[in-house]
N, C-alpha and C. Protein backbone atom coordinates (compact mmCIF):
# COMPACT_ATOMS: atom_id res chain seq x y z
N UNK A 1 125.89 74.75 114.93
CA UNK A 1 125.59 75.64 113.80
C UNK A 1 126.55 76.86 113.99
N UNK A 2 127.25 77.17 112.92
CA UNK A 2 128.22 78.39 112.96
C UNK A 2 127.44 79.59 112.54
N UNK A 3 127.67 80.69 113.24
CA UNK A 3 127.07 82.04 112.90
C UNK A 3 128.10 83.16 113.03
N UNK A 4 127.91 84.12 112.21
CA UNK A 4 128.72 85.34 112.28
C UNK A 4 128.01 86.40 113.09
N UNK A 5 128.77 87.16 113.87
CA UNK A 5 128.17 88.20 114.68
C UNK A 5 128.47 89.59 114.00
N UNK A 6 127.38 90.39 113.57
CA UNK A 6 127.56 91.66 113.03
C UNK A 6 127.09 92.68 114.05
N UNK A 7 127.46 93.95 113.67
CA UNK A 7 127.03 95.02 114.63
C UNK A 7 125.51 95.20 114.50
N UNK A 8 124.84 95.88 115.48
CA UNK A 8 123.42 96.06 115.47
C UNK A 8 122.97 96.71 114.15
N UNK A 9 121.86 96.25 113.63
CA UNK A 9 121.26 96.84 112.42
C UNK A 9 119.73 96.48 112.46
N UNK A 10 119.05 96.98 111.42
CA UNK A 10 117.60 96.83 111.34
C UNK A 10 117.30 95.65 110.41
N UNK A 11 117.97 94.57 110.63
CA UNK A 11 117.75 93.37 109.91
C UNK A 11 116.66 92.54 110.49
N UNK A 12 115.42 93.03 110.41
CA UNK A 12 114.23 92.32 110.83
C UNK A 12 113.30 92.09 109.69
N UNK A 13 113.07 90.80 109.45
CA UNK A 13 112.18 90.45 108.20
C UNK A 13 111.57 89.14 108.43
N UNK A 14 110.48 88.85 107.69
CA UNK A 14 109.88 89.75 106.74
C UNK A 14 109.07 90.79 107.37
N UNK A 15 108.77 91.90 106.63
CA UNK A 15 107.89 93.00 107.08
C UNK A 15 106.87 93.26 105.99
N UNK A 16 105.73 93.89 106.37
CA UNK A 16 104.69 94.12 105.41
C UNK A 16 104.91 95.44 104.60
N UNK A 17 105.11 95.33 103.24
CA UNK A 17 105.28 96.56 102.46
C UNK A 17 103.90 97.22 102.21
N UNK A 18 103.58 98.25 102.93
CA UNK A 18 102.23 98.81 102.83
C UNK A 18 102.28 100.11 102.07
N UNK A 19 101.16 100.46 101.51
CA UNK A 19 100.91 101.69 100.80
C UNK A 19 100.18 102.67 101.75
N UNK A 20 100.89 103.69 102.31
CA UNK A 20 100.26 104.56 103.25
C UNK A 20 99.80 105.82 102.46
N UNK A 21 98.47 106.13 102.63
CA UNK A 21 97.96 107.38 101.97
C UNK A 21 97.72 108.45 103.04
N UNK A 22 98.06 109.71 102.58
CA UNK A 22 97.88 110.80 103.51
C UNK A 22 97.35 112.05 102.67
N UNK A 23 97.09 113.11 103.39
CA UNK A 23 96.52 114.22 102.67
C UNK A 23 94.99 114.18 102.61
N UNK A 24 94.47 114.56 101.49
CA UNK A 24 92.96 114.62 101.35
C UNK A 24 92.63 113.98 99.91
N UNK A 25 91.28 113.84 99.81
CA UNK A 25 90.82 113.37 98.45
C UNK A 25 91.26 114.30 97.35
N UNK A 26 91.29 115.53 97.67
CA UNK A 26 91.61 116.59 96.59
C UNK A 26 93.19 116.62 96.41
N UNK A 27 93.89 116.41 97.40
CA UNK A 27 95.37 116.45 97.34
C UNK A 27 95.94 115.26 98.08
N UNK A 28 95.86 114.09 97.46
CA UNK A 28 96.34 112.81 98.11
C UNK A 28 97.83 112.53 97.80
N UNK A 29 98.40 111.70 98.63
CA UNK A 29 99.71 111.21 98.34
C UNK A 29 99.87 109.85 98.92
N UNK A 30 100.78 109.08 98.32
CA UNK A 30 101.03 107.66 98.71
C UNK A 30 102.53 107.54 99.02
N UNK A 31 102.90 106.86 100.06
CA UNK A 31 104.27 106.52 100.46
C UNK A 31 104.27 105.09 100.88
N UNK A 32 105.34 104.34 100.35
CA UNK A 32 105.45 102.96 100.70
C UNK A 32 106.17 102.91 102.10
N UNK A 33 105.56 102.14 102.96
CA UNK A 33 106.10 102.11 104.37
C UNK A 33 106.13 100.55 104.67
N UNK A 34 107.39 100.08 105.00
CA UNK A 34 107.49 98.71 105.51
C UNK A 34 107.75 98.67 106.98
N UNK A 35 108.07 99.85 107.55
CA UNK A 35 108.27 99.81 109.04
C UNK A 35 107.00 100.28 109.75
N UNK A 36 106.18 99.29 109.89
CA UNK A 36 104.86 99.48 110.60
C UNK A 36 104.59 98.16 111.31
N UNK A 37 103.59 98.25 112.18
CA UNK A 37 103.25 97.14 113.01
C UNK A 37 102.14 97.45 114.03
N UNK A 38 101.87 96.45 114.89
CA UNK A 38 100.80 96.56 115.89
C UNK A 38 101.42 96.94 117.27
N UNK A 39 100.83 97.92 117.92
CA UNK A 39 101.29 98.45 119.25
C UNK A 39 100.43 97.91 120.37
N UNK A 40 99.14 97.85 120.15
CA UNK A 40 98.22 97.35 121.17
C UNK A 40 96.79 96.95 120.57
N UNK A 41 96.16 96.12 121.28
CA UNK A 41 94.89 95.63 120.79
C UNK A 41 93.75 96.53 121.22
N UNK A 42 93.78 96.90 122.55
CA UNK A 42 92.66 97.82 123.04
C UNK A 42 93.25 98.99 123.71
N UNK A 43 93.12 100.22 123.09
CA UNK A 43 92.59 100.45 121.78
C UNK A 43 93.54 99.92 120.69
N UNK A 44 92.92 99.66 119.47
CA UNK A 44 93.88 99.18 118.42
C UNK A 44 94.81 100.25 117.98
N UNK A 45 96.05 99.98 118.19
CA UNK A 45 97.04 100.98 117.96
C UNK A 45 98.21 100.48 117.00
N UNK A 46 98.65 101.33 116.11
CA UNK A 46 99.62 100.96 115.16
C UNK A 46 100.68 102.10 115.09
N UNK A 47 101.64 101.98 114.15
CA UNK A 47 102.56 103.10 114.02
C UNK A 47 103.15 102.97 112.55
N UNK A 48 103.73 104.09 112.07
CA UNK A 48 104.49 104.09 110.85
C UNK A 48 105.80 104.88 111.23
N UNK A 49 106.88 104.55 110.55
CA UNK A 49 108.12 105.23 110.82
C UNK A 49 108.48 105.94 109.50
N UNK A 50 108.68 107.28 109.53
CA UNK A 50 108.91 108.11 108.35
C UNK A 50 110.07 109.01 108.51
N UNK A 51 110.96 109.17 107.47
CA UNK A 51 112.06 110.05 107.63
C UNK A 51 111.47 111.58 107.38
N UNK A 52 112.00 112.43 108.22
CA UNK A 52 111.55 113.83 108.11
C UNK A 52 111.74 114.51 106.73
N UNK A 53 112.65 113.90 105.92
CA UNK A 53 112.94 114.52 104.65
C UNK A 53 112.02 114.01 103.51
N UNK A 54 111.08 113.14 103.86
CA UNK A 54 110.18 112.62 102.92
C UNK A 54 109.05 113.67 102.64
N UNK A 55 108.49 113.70 101.47
CA UNK A 55 107.44 114.59 100.99
C UNK A 55 106.21 114.41 101.92
N UNK A 56 105.95 113.20 102.29
CA UNK A 56 104.76 112.87 103.03
C UNK A 56 104.87 113.39 104.46
N UNK A 57 106.04 113.61 105.02
CA UNK A 57 106.29 113.99 106.35
C UNK A 57 105.47 115.23 106.79
N UNK A 58 105.61 116.40 106.14
CA UNK A 58 104.83 117.61 106.58
C UNK A 58 103.33 117.44 106.39
N UNK A 59 102.99 116.58 105.39
CA UNK A 59 101.50 116.26 105.24
C UNK A 59 100.97 115.45 106.43
N UNK A 60 101.70 114.52 106.85
CA UNK A 60 101.34 113.76 108.07
C UNK A 60 101.29 114.56 109.29
N UNK A 61 102.30 115.52 109.47
CA UNK A 61 102.33 116.36 110.60
C UNK A 61 101.15 117.33 110.61
N UNK A 62 100.73 117.82 109.45
CA UNK A 62 99.68 118.82 109.40
C UNK A 62 98.36 118.08 109.62
N UNK A 63 98.05 117.00 108.99
CA UNK A 63 96.69 116.41 109.07
C UNK A 63 96.63 115.35 110.19
N UNK A 64 97.74 114.75 110.61
CA UNK A 64 97.70 113.78 111.67
C UNK A 64 96.76 112.67 111.49
N UNK A 65 96.61 112.23 110.15
CA UNK A 65 95.85 111.14 109.79
C UNK A 65 96.49 110.45 108.65
N UNK A 66 96.16 109.11 108.54
CA UNK A 66 96.69 108.41 107.34
C UNK A 66 95.92 107.06 107.29
N UNK A 67 96.11 106.39 106.17
CA UNK A 67 95.45 105.13 105.95
C UNK A 67 96.60 104.09 105.53
N UNK A 68 96.63 102.99 106.25
CA UNK A 68 97.52 101.91 105.92
C UNK A 68 96.79 100.94 104.90
N UNK A 69 97.19 100.92 103.67
CA UNK A 69 96.60 100.07 102.71
C UNK A 69 97.40 98.84 102.51
N UNK A 70 96.81 97.64 102.63
CA UNK A 70 97.57 96.33 102.37
C UNK A 70 97.49 95.96 100.97
N UNK A 71 98.61 96.01 100.24
CA UNK A 71 98.56 95.66 98.78
C UNK A 71 98.65 94.11 98.57
N UNK A 72 98.20 93.69 97.44
CA UNK A 72 98.34 92.33 97.03
C UNK A 72 99.73 92.20 96.30
N UNK A 73 100.16 90.94 96.15
CA UNK A 73 101.42 90.63 95.46
C UNK A 73 101.40 91.09 94.03
N UNK A 74 100.11 91.08 93.41
CA UNK A 74 100.01 91.59 92.02
C UNK A 74 100.34 93.08 91.98
N UNK A 75 100.37 93.83 93.07
CA UNK A 75 100.57 95.26 93.10
C UNK A 75 102.01 95.61 93.41
N UNK A 76 102.93 94.66 93.25
CA UNK A 76 104.35 94.79 93.57
C UNK A 76 104.95 96.09 92.86
N UNK A 77 104.70 96.23 91.58
CA UNK A 77 105.24 97.31 90.79
C UNK A 77 104.82 98.68 91.43
N UNK A 78 103.49 98.76 91.84
CA UNK A 78 102.95 100.03 92.41
C UNK A 78 103.59 100.27 93.73
N UNK A 79 103.83 99.18 94.54
CA UNK A 79 104.45 99.38 95.87
C UNK A 79 105.87 99.84 95.76
N UNK A 80 106.58 99.24 94.76
CA UNK A 80 107.96 99.68 94.55
C UNK A 80 108.07 101.18 94.08
N UNK A 81 107.17 101.45 93.03
CA UNK A 81 107.15 102.81 92.50
C UNK A 81 106.91 103.90 93.56
N UNK A 82 105.96 103.62 94.46
CA UNK A 82 105.58 104.53 95.43
C UNK A 82 106.62 104.70 96.54
N UNK A 83 107.62 103.77 96.54
CA UNK A 83 108.69 103.84 97.51
C UNK A 83 109.89 104.54 96.94
N UNK A 84 110.05 104.64 95.59
CA UNK A 84 111.25 105.24 95.03
C UNK A 84 110.96 106.56 94.31
N UNK A 85 109.72 106.82 94.12
CA UNK A 85 109.39 108.23 93.57
C UNK A 85 108.74 109.13 94.58
N UNK A 86 108.96 110.39 94.36
CA UNK A 86 108.38 111.33 95.37
C UNK A 86 107.13 111.94 94.87
N UNK A 87 106.16 112.23 95.83
CA UNK A 87 104.92 112.84 95.54
C UNK A 87 105.02 114.30 95.10
N UNK A 88 106.20 114.90 95.32
CA UNK A 88 106.42 116.25 94.94
C UNK A 88 106.64 116.31 93.40
N UNK A 89 107.02 115.17 92.83
CA UNK A 89 107.34 115.10 91.38
C UNK A 89 106.23 114.51 90.52
N UNK A 90 105.55 113.46 91.11
CA UNK A 90 104.50 112.73 90.36
C UNK A 90 103.22 112.48 91.18
N UNK A 91 102.15 112.36 90.45
CA UNK A 91 100.85 111.95 91.14
C UNK A 91 100.89 110.41 91.13
N UNK A 92 101.08 109.77 92.23
CA UNK A 92 101.34 108.39 92.34
C UNK A 92 100.13 107.57 92.06
N UNK A 93 98.90 108.20 92.40
CA UNK A 93 97.66 107.57 92.11
C UNK A 93 97.47 107.31 90.52
N UNK A 94 97.78 108.46 89.82
CA UNK A 94 97.66 108.44 88.42
C UNK A 94 98.66 107.52 87.77
N UNK A 95 99.96 107.66 88.18
CA UNK A 95 101.13 106.89 87.67
C UNK A 95 100.87 105.45 87.83
N UNK A 96 100.31 105.00 88.92
CA UNK A 96 100.12 103.55 89.21
C UNK A 96 98.81 103.06 88.86
N UNK A 97 97.87 103.99 88.34
CA UNK A 97 96.52 103.54 88.01
C UNK A 97 95.79 103.08 89.22
N UNK A 98 95.90 103.74 90.31
CA UNK A 98 95.23 103.36 91.56
C UNK A 98 93.94 104.38 91.75
N UNK A 99 93.08 103.90 92.50
CA UNK A 99 91.79 104.64 92.67
C UNK A 99 91.61 105.07 94.10
N UNK A 100 91.64 106.44 94.33
CA UNK A 100 91.41 106.93 95.67
C UNK A 100 89.81 106.92 95.99
N UNK A 101 89.53 106.46 97.19
CA UNK A 101 88.14 106.33 97.69
C UNK A 101 88.12 107.09 99.01
N UNK A 102 87.00 107.69 99.37
CA UNK A 102 86.78 108.37 100.66
C UNK A 102 86.84 107.35 101.78
N UNK A 103 87.49 107.67 102.79
CA UNK A 103 87.46 106.91 104.10
C UNK A 103 86.33 107.38 104.91
N UNK A 104 86.01 106.61 105.99
CA UNK A 104 84.92 106.92 106.87
C UNK A 104 85.26 107.81 108.04
N UNK A 105 86.51 107.67 108.56
CA UNK A 105 86.86 108.39 109.77
C UNK A 105 87.99 109.34 109.63
N UNK A 106 88.66 109.38 108.49
CA UNK A 106 89.77 110.28 108.26
C UNK A 106 89.62 110.89 106.85
N UNK A 107 90.41 112.02 106.69
CA UNK A 107 90.35 112.76 105.41
C UNK A 107 91.16 112.06 104.32
N UNK A 108 92.17 111.29 104.72
CA UNK A 108 93.11 110.63 103.69
C UNK A 108 92.23 109.60 103.02
N UNK A 109 92.53 109.42 101.71
CA UNK A 109 91.82 108.45 100.94
C UNK A 109 92.26 107.02 101.15
N UNK A 110 91.38 106.03 100.82
CA UNK A 110 91.73 104.65 100.72
C UNK A 110 92.26 104.40 99.33
N UNK A 111 92.89 103.30 99.14
CA UNK A 111 93.30 102.76 97.83
C UNK A 111 92.29 101.58 97.52
N UNK A 112 91.39 101.82 96.51
CA UNK A 112 90.39 100.83 96.25
C UNK A 112 90.95 99.50 95.88
N UNK A 113 92.06 99.40 95.20
CA UNK A 113 92.66 98.13 94.71
C UNK A 113 93.24 97.32 95.88
N UNK A 114 93.40 97.90 97.07
CA UNK A 114 93.97 97.19 98.18
C UNK A 114 92.80 96.44 98.96
N UNK A 115 92.88 95.16 99.31
CA UNK A 115 91.85 94.50 99.94
C UNK A 115 91.53 94.91 101.36
N UNK A 116 92.57 95.47 102.03
CA UNK A 116 92.39 95.90 103.38
C UNK A 116 92.86 97.33 103.62
N UNK A 117 92.13 98.15 104.26
CA UNK A 117 92.50 99.56 104.51
C UNK A 117 92.30 99.89 106.00
N UNK A 118 93.31 100.35 106.66
CA UNK A 118 93.25 100.70 108.04
C UNK A 118 93.29 102.24 108.24
N UNK A 119 92.15 102.78 108.66
CA UNK A 119 92.12 104.27 108.92
C UNK A 119 92.70 104.58 110.21
N UNK A 120 93.64 105.52 110.25
CA UNK A 120 94.40 105.86 111.45
C UNK A 120 94.44 107.30 111.83
N UNK A 121 94.32 107.64 113.11
CA UNK A 121 94.50 109.05 113.60
C UNK A 121 95.68 109.05 114.52
N UNK A 122 96.62 109.99 114.26
CA UNK A 122 97.87 109.99 115.04
C UNK A 122 97.60 110.48 116.46
N UNK A 123 98.16 109.81 117.41
CA UNK A 123 98.04 110.15 118.78
C UNK A 123 99.28 110.80 119.36
N UNK A 124 100.44 110.46 118.78
CA UNK A 124 101.70 111.04 119.24
C UNK A 124 102.72 110.83 118.24
N UNK A 125 103.85 111.59 118.26
CA UNK A 125 104.94 111.38 117.35
C UNK A 125 106.23 111.37 118.28
N UNK A 126 107.24 110.69 117.80
CA UNK A 126 108.48 110.63 118.56
C UNK A 126 109.68 110.46 117.64
N UNK A 127 110.59 111.26 117.77
CA UNK A 127 111.84 111.21 116.98
C UNK A 127 112.74 110.10 117.41
N UNK A 128 113.14 109.30 116.44
CA UNK A 128 113.99 108.17 116.78
C UNK A 128 115.20 108.13 115.81
N UNK A 129 116.09 109.04 115.94
CA UNK A 129 117.28 109.06 115.06
C UNK A 129 116.82 109.46 113.68
N UNK A 130 117.00 108.58 112.71
CA UNK A 130 116.75 108.85 111.27
C UNK A 130 115.28 108.97 110.97
N UNK A 131 114.44 108.48 111.81
CA UNK A 131 112.96 108.37 111.58
C UNK A 131 112.18 109.02 112.64
N UNK A 132 110.96 109.39 112.34
CA UNK A 132 109.93 109.89 113.23
C UNK A 132 108.82 108.87 113.28
N UNK A 133 108.48 108.44 114.56
CA UNK A 133 107.42 107.42 114.63
C UNK A 133 106.05 108.11 114.82
N UNK A 134 105.11 107.74 114.05
CA UNK A 134 103.75 108.30 114.13
C UNK A 134 102.88 107.17 114.82
N UNK A 135 102.59 107.25 116.13
CA UNK A 135 101.73 106.36 116.75
C UNK A 135 100.36 106.71 116.51
N UNK A 136 99.45 105.71 116.23
CA UNK A 136 98.11 106.14 115.81
C UNK A 136 97.13 105.04 116.27
N UNK A 137 95.86 105.49 116.48
CA UNK A 137 94.80 104.60 116.73
C UNK A 137 94.17 104.21 115.46
N UNK A 138 93.75 103.01 115.20
CA UNK A 138 93.07 102.55 114.09
C UNK A 138 91.60 102.82 114.40
N UNK A 139 91.03 103.71 113.67
CA UNK A 139 89.63 104.19 113.88
C UNK A 139 88.62 103.55 112.93
N UNK A 140 89.15 102.75 111.91
CA UNK A 140 88.29 102.10 111.02
C UNK A 140 88.98 101.10 110.20
N UNK A 141 88.29 100.03 109.82
CA UNK A 141 88.92 99.02 108.90
C UNK A 141 87.96 98.80 107.76
N UNK A 142 88.53 98.74 106.56
CA UNK A 142 87.64 98.56 105.37
C UNK A 142 88.20 97.24 104.75
N UNK A 143 87.27 96.29 104.43
CA UNK A 143 87.74 95.03 103.89
C UNK A 143 86.86 94.72 102.68
N UNK A 144 87.61 94.11 101.69
CA UNK A 144 86.92 93.69 100.40
C UNK A 144 85.99 92.59 100.73
N UNK A 145 84.68 92.75 100.32
CA UNK A 145 83.67 91.82 100.58
C UNK A 145 83.97 90.41 99.94
N UNK A 146 84.81 90.33 98.94
CA UNK A 146 85.04 89.07 98.27
C UNK A 146 85.77 88.15 99.25
N UNK A 147 86.43 88.63 100.28
CA UNK A 147 87.18 87.81 101.22
C UNK A 147 86.44 87.66 102.59
N UNK A 148 85.18 88.00 102.62
CA UNK A 148 84.36 87.77 103.83
C UNK A 148 83.43 86.61 103.49
N UNK A 149 83.35 85.56 104.33
CA UNK A 149 82.54 84.41 104.06
C UNK A 149 81.14 84.60 104.58
N UNK A 150 80.31 83.60 104.39
CA UNK A 150 78.87 83.70 104.78
C UNK A 150 78.65 83.89 106.31
N UNK A 151 79.63 83.55 107.10
CA UNK A 151 79.52 83.78 108.55
C UNK A 151 80.15 85.04 109.05
N UNK A 152 80.62 85.90 108.08
CA UNK A 152 81.17 87.21 108.38
C UNK A 152 82.59 87.18 108.79
N UNK A 153 83.32 86.02 108.53
CA UNK A 153 84.77 85.89 108.85
C UNK A 153 85.62 86.39 107.73
N UNK A 154 86.64 87.20 107.99
CA UNK A 154 87.54 87.61 107.01
C UNK A 154 88.60 86.54 106.78
N UNK A 155 88.71 86.10 105.51
CA UNK A 155 89.71 85.07 105.12
C UNK A 155 90.81 85.85 104.54
N UNK A 156 91.71 86.38 105.46
CA UNK A 156 92.87 87.13 105.14
C UNK A 156 93.87 86.42 104.23
N UNK A 157 93.97 85.10 104.45
CA UNK A 157 94.94 84.29 103.68
C UNK A 157 94.57 84.19 102.24
N UNK A 158 93.37 84.58 101.79
CA UNK A 158 92.89 84.63 100.44
C UNK A 158 93.25 85.90 99.71
N UNK A 159 93.73 86.86 100.51
CA UNK A 159 93.84 88.27 99.89
C UNK A 159 95.11 88.35 98.98
N UNK A 160 96.02 87.36 99.11
CA UNK A 160 97.21 87.46 98.18
C UNK A 160 98.15 88.54 98.56
N UNK A 161 98.33 88.72 99.90
CA UNK A 161 99.19 89.80 100.41
C UNK A 161 100.67 89.48 100.17
N UNK A 162 101.53 90.40 100.39
CA UNK A 162 103.00 90.29 100.06
C UNK A 162 103.87 90.58 101.25
N UNK A 163 105.18 90.27 101.21
CA UNK A 163 106.11 90.51 102.20
C UNK A 163 107.40 91.12 101.65
N UNK A 164 108.15 91.75 102.50
CA UNK A 164 109.36 92.40 102.04
C UNK A 164 110.53 91.97 102.99
N UNK A 165 111.65 91.59 102.36
CA UNK A 165 112.69 91.09 103.26
C UNK A 165 114.04 91.52 102.63
N UNK A 166 114.80 92.44 103.16
CA UNK A 166 116.10 92.79 102.85
C UNK A 166 116.23 93.18 101.38
N UNK A 167 115.36 94.07 100.91
CA UNK A 167 115.39 94.52 99.53
C UNK A 167 114.75 93.70 98.53
N UNK A 168 113.93 92.67 98.89
CA UNK A 168 113.20 91.78 97.91
C UNK A 168 111.81 91.65 98.38
N UNK A 169 110.89 91.53 97.38
CA UNK A 169 109.48 91.37 97.57
C UNK A 169 109.09 89.91 97.35
N UNK A 170 108.15 89.39 98.29
CA UNK A 170 107.75 88.07 98.16
C UNK A 170 106.24 87.89 98.31
N UNK A 171 105.72 86.91 97.53
CA UNK A 171 104.29 86.64 97.76
C UNK A 171 104.22 85.64 98.87
N UNK A 172 103.20 85.77 99.76
CA UNK A 172 103.10 84.88 100.91
C UNK A 172 102.88 83.46 100.37
N UNK A 173 103.61 82.50 101.08
CA UNK A 173 103.52 81.10 100.62
C UNK A 173 102.40 80.31 101.19
N UNK A 174 102.70 79.02 101.26
CA UNK A 174 101.74 78.03 101.71
C UNK A 174 101.42 78.20 103.20
N UNK A 175 100.25 77.84 103.62
CA UNK A 175 99.78 77.85 105.05
C UNK A 175 100.53 76.74 105.74
N UNK A 176 101.07 77.09 106.89
CA UNK A 176 101.81 76.13 107.77
C UNK A 176 101.03 75.59 108.93
N UNK A 177 100.06 76.34 109.35
CA UNK A 177 99.24 75.97 110.46
C UNK A 177 98.44 77.13 111.05
N UNK A 178 97.86 76.95 112.25
CA UNK A 178 97.08 77.95 112.98
C UNK A 178 97.67 78.28 114.23
N UNK A 179 97.32 79.46 114.70
CA UNK A 179 97.70 79.93 116.01
C UNK A 179 97.17 78.94 117.06
N UNK A 180 98.09 78.50 117.97
CA UNK A 180 97.66 77.55 119.00
C UNK A 180 97.84 76.11 118.65
N UNK A 181 98.24 75.81 117.42
CA UNK A 181 98.42 74.36 117.02
C UNK A 181 99.35 73.64 117.95
N UNK A 182 100.37 74.24 118.45
CA UNK A 182 101.40 73.58 119.21
C UNK A 182 100.87 73.09 120.65
N UNK A 183 99.79 73.62 121.05
CA UNK A 183 99.22 73.16 122.34
C UNK A 183 97.83 72.62 122.30
N UNK A 184 97.31 72.62 121.05
CA UNK A 184 95.88 72.18 120.84
C UNK A 184 95.86 70.64 121.04
N UNK A 185 94.89 70.14 121.71
CA UNK A 185 94.76 68.70 121.88
C UNK A 185 94.20 68.09 120.54
N UNK A 186 94.87 67.04 120.16
CA UNK A 186 94.52 66.34 118.88
C UNK A 186 93.23 65.54 119.17
N UNK A 187 92.31 65.56 118.20
CA UNK A 187 91.15 64.74 118.35
C UNK A 187 91.48 63.29 118.18
N UNK A 188 90.93 62.43 119.10
CA UNK A 188 91.16 61.01 118.97
C UNK A 188 90.36 60.42 117.84
N UNK A 189 90.97 59.58 117.08
CA UNK A 189 90.28 58.92 116.03
C UNK A 189 89.27 57.90 116.55
N UNK A 190 88.17 57.91 116.10
CA UNK A 190 87.15 56.88 116.56
C UNK A 190 86.96 55.85 115.44
N UNK A 191 86.98 54.68 115.80
CA UNK A 191 86.84 53.63 114.80
C UNK A 191 85.44 52.97 114.91
N UNK A 192 84.90 52.74 113.87
CA UNK A 192 83.53 52.03 113.90
C UNK A 192 83.66 50.64 114.35
N UNK A 193 82.67 50.18 115.30
CA UNK A 193 82.90 48.79 115.74
C UNK A 193 82.77 47.82 114.64
N UNK A 194 83.61 46.73 114.75
CA UNK A 194 83.58 45.73 113.65
C UNK A 194 82.34 44.88 113.82
N UNK A 195 81.82 44.53 112.63
CA UNK A 195 80.62 43.71 112.53
C UNK A 195 80.92 42.36 112.88
N UNK A 196 80.10 41.75 113.76
CA UNK A 196 80.33 40.35 114.16
C UNK A 196 79.93 39.47 113.01
N UNK A 197 80.72 38.46 112.72
CA UNK A 197 80.34 37.53 111.64
C UNK A 197 79.37 36.49 112.14
N UNK A 198 78.43 36.16 111.32
CA UNK A 198 77.44 35.28 111.82
C UNK A 198 77.48 33.99 110.97
């Protein structure tokens, strides 16, 4: 297989295009963030990377709280709008017809239309060239009850989430398998004993 070698770049994909809310219920803002992920399980830690020139940056530095809202693929227009328009010029909640709702552990609002909301409190910040990393503990998770089954399990695959890759948005596709499939022992097929002819 032939490959070209390029200089180092941030060509990591796909990534989750999230709607991050900051500020307060009275003065909220939304910023689209695709540079986010998991840092640790215990305690549950995440991060977002934000340019210091963004309108949300001083808000995040002041309040040191935010909510990562996971949008559905049907919300693509809102995700894109909140990434290319500044909160200093427009009210993104109003422009995108999104509904702010109070969070349980932080002042920043949730986005009601998003099926999953992760409430986060910043534990540290770190400058990394063009961006500042906000490391945060996930202090609460809100899930749409429509995607919780009778056993209390969250069926995340039913939420219709989206992905972002190199300037393009994608709806998540068909399921390929489950974690651990490659090492899971296959169940042996049992055949019913044949009836003896009389």
